[in-house]
Protein backbone atom coordinates (compact mmCIF):
# COMPACT_ATOMS: atom_id res chain seq x y z
CA MET A 1 32.18 36.00 -27.29
CA SER A 2 31.74 39.56 -28.03
CA PRO A 3 31.88 42.33 -25.29
CA ASN A 4 28.03 42.70 -25.78
CA THR A 5 27.34 38.92 -25.30
CA PRO A 6 25.55 38.50 -21.80
CA VAL A 7 26.92 35.69 -19.50
CA GLN A 8 24.05 33.84 -17.85
CA VAL A 9 24.99 31.88 -14.57
CA SER A 10 22.87 29.28 -13.35
CA PRO A 11 23.10 25.85 -11.54
CA LEU A 12 24.58 23.15 -13.62
CA GLN A 13 21.99 21.00 -15.33
CA ALA A 14 22.44 17.32 -16.54
CA SER A 15 22.67 18.46 -20.04
CA ASP A 16 26.07 20.48 -19.14
CA HIS A 17 27.70 16.97 -18.55
CA ALA A 18 29.80 16.88 -21.70
CA ASP A 19 31.05 20.58 -21.73
CA TRP A 20 31.67 20.40 -17.78
CA LEU A 21 33.50 17.27 -18.48
CA ARG A 22 35.58 19.15 -21.01
CA LEU A 23 36.19 22.27 -18.83
CA ALA A 24 36.89 20.04 -15.68
CA GLN A 25 39.62 18.31 -17.48
CA GLY A 26 41.09 21.51 -18.44
CA TYR A 27 40.92 22.77 -14.97
CA LYS A 28 42.45 19.49 -13.66
CA ALA A 29 45.23 19.67 -16.22
CA PHE A 30 46.15 23.29 -15.42
CA TYR A 31 46.57 22.43 -11.79
CA GLU A 32 48.65 19.25 -12.82
CA SER A 33 46.27 16.90 -10.92
CA PRO A 34 45.57 13.93 -12.69
CA THR A 35 41.84 12.48 -12.15
CA SER A 36 40.35 9.23 -13.04
CA ASP A 37 37.21 8.89 -15.00
CA GLU A 38 35.72 7.53 -12.09
CA THR A 39 36.57 10.27 -10.06
CA TYR A 40 34.99 12.69 -12.48
CA ALA A 41 31.74 10.77 -12.57
CA ILE A 42 31.64 10.85 -8.65
CA ALA A 43 32.11 14.56 -8.65
CA TRP A 44 29.27 15.19 -11.45
CA GLN A 45 26.88 12.94 -9.31
CA LYS A 46 27.74 15.10 -6.33
CA LEU A 47 27.26 18.29 -8.23
CA MET A 48 23.81 16.95 -9.51
CA VAL A 49 22.53 15.96 -6.21
CA GLY A 50 23.61 19.48 -4.91
CA ASP A 51 23.12 18.89 -1.29
CA ALA A 52 26.65 19.05 -0.17
CA VAL A 53 28.53 20.31 -3.25
CA HIS A 54 26.91 22.82 -5.62
CA GLY A 55 28.11 23.96 -8.97
CA LEU A 56 27.10 26.57 -11.22
CA GLY A 57 27.54 27.27 -15.07
CA ALA A 58 28.27 30.22 -17.06
CA ARG A 59 26.86 30.16 -20.40
CA VAL A 60 27.10 32.25 -23.51
CA ASP A 61 24.59 31.69 -26.28
CA GLY A 62 23.44 28.57 -24.28
CA ARG A 63 26.91 26.89 -24.24
CA LEU A 64 28.69 26.04 -20.87
CA VAL A 65 31.79 28.33 -20.95
CA GLY A 66 32.89 28.15 -17.38
CA PHE A 67 31.89 26.84 -13.98
CA THR A 68 32.26 26.97 -10.12
CA HIS A 69 31.94 24.43 -7.35
CA TYR A 70 31.44 25.71 -3.92
CA LEU A 71 30.33 24.28 -0.48
CA PHE A 72 29.20 25.48 2.88
CA HIS A 73 30.80 24.22 6.28
CA ALA A 74 30.64 24.85 9.76
CA SER A 75 33.36 27.13 11.57
CA THR A 76 34.58 27.77 14.98
CA TRP A 77 34.07 31.52 14.62
CA ALA A 78 31.00 31.56 12.53
CA PRO A 79 27.82 29.73 12.03
CA SER A 80 28.60 29.02 8.34
CA VAL A 81 30.99 29.92 5.75
CA CYS A 82 31.36 29.12 1.93
CA TYR A 83 34.26 27.84 0.32
CA LEU A 84 34.66 28.28 -3.34
CA GLN A 85 36.33 25.17 -4.31
CA ASP A 86 36.93 25.21 -8.01
CA LEU A 87 36.41 28.06 -10.67
CA PHE A 88 37.34 27.50 -14.29
CA VAL A 89 36.64 29.47 -17.55
CA ASP A 90 37.27 28.29 -21.08
CA GLU A 91 40.79 29.71 -22.08
CA SER A 92 39.25 31.52 -25.11
CA LEU A 93 36.85 33.63 -23.09
CA ARG A 94 38.99 34.59 -20.26
CA GLY A 95 39.15 38.36 -19.23
CA GLN A 96 35.61 39.01 -20.54
CA GLY A 97 33.87 38.92 -17.02
CA THR A 98 32.98 35.34 -16.72
CA ALA A 99 34.97 34.49 -13.75
CA SER A 100 33.71 37.77 -12.16
CA ALA A 101 30.19 36.70 -12.99
CA LEU A 102 30.55 33.28 -11.37
CA ILE A 103 32.45 34.60 -8.33
CA GLU A 104 29.43 37.01 -7.83
CA ALA A 105 26.79 34.34 -8.31
CA VAL A 106 28.62 32.33 -5.38
CA ALA A 107 28.77 35.31 -3.14
CA GLN A 108 25.13 35.80 -3.68
CA ALA A 109 24.34 32.20 -2.93
CA SER A 110 26.57 32.65 0.21
CA ARG A 111 24.56 35.76 1.40
CA ALA A 112 21.29 33.83 0.80
CA ALA A 113 22.63 30.92 2.70
CA GLY A 114 23.44 33.19 5.72
CA ALA A 115 27.19 32.55 5.31
CA GLN A 116 29.63 34.83 7.30
CA ARG A 117 32.53 34.52 4.81
CA LEU A 118 33.31 33.26 1.13
CA TYR A 119 36.96 32.25 0.57
CA TRP A 120 39.06 30.46 -1.87
CA LEU A 121 42.55 29.35 -2.78
CA THR A 122 44.78 29.36 -5.72
CA GLN A 123 48.40 28.45 -6.64
CA THR A 124 50.90 31.25 -6.41
CA HIS A 125 51.79 30.88 -10.07
CA ASN A 126 48.29 31.61 -11.31
CA ALA A 127 48.91 35.09 -12.08
CA ARG A 128 46.06 35.99 -14.35
CA ALA A 129 43.69 34.56 -11.77
CA ARG A 130 45.14 36.43 -9.15
CA ARG A 131 44.80 39.64 -10.78
CA LEU A 132 40.89 39.10 -10.82
CA TYR A 133 41.17 38.03 -7.10
CA ASP A 134 43.07 41.01 -6.21
CA ARG A 135 40.24 43.24 -7.56
CA VAL A 136 37.30 41.40 -6.04
CA ALA A 137 38.50 40.27 -2.70
CA GLN A 138 41.15 40.80 -0.04
CA PHE A 139 44.29 38.44 0.19
CA GLN A 140 44.56 37.69 3.81
CA GLY A 141 48.16 36.55 3.88
CA PHE A 142 47.68 32.79 4.37
CA ILE A 143 49.75 30.04 2.96
CA ARG A 144 48.25 26.51 2.57
CA TYR A 145 49.78 23.39 3.65
CA GLU A 146 48.67 20.01 2.99
CA TYR A 147 49.32 16.91 5.10
CA PRO A 148 49.42 13.86 2.90
CA LEU A 149 47.07 11.19 4.35
CA LEU A 150 46.96 8.76 1.57
CA ALA A 151 50.10 6.26 1.27
C-alpha cells in the first residue's frame, strides 16, 4: 500500500471470510492463543449475524487487510460502553494508518450507539500497538487479571 492508497473501513461481509480467517489466525498466533477451526467458524457466524458482536474490515484496493471486533455492554456506571475486543492489521501494512482508521470507525459506531466509553486491552509486550494506543487514547493504569473457569 502506498501512502496515498486510501483505507476503506466497512462492516465485514461474507466474501471477506478467507481473508478474515488468515488475519484472525495471525492475530491468535501473535497472542499465542491456539484456536480450533470450530471456534473460528463460530466467531465468523457471530460476526455475520452482528447482533451481539460486530466486525469491521479495513480494505485497500478491495482486499481485506485488517479487522476489528467490538461489542456493546451494560455498565454499572453508564448506560452502555463499547469494548474493542480484537484489532489486527496485516503485518506488511502496519504503521500506515490502518489500525487508526479501524479504531476511529469503532469510535464512530460507539458514538452513534450512545456508548459512554470505548475501551480495549493489549498485552504489555505489544509495544508497537501501544505506541499507537498512547497517541489515540488514554492509559488509565488498570491491570487485567483473569480467573480460570474451565478445568
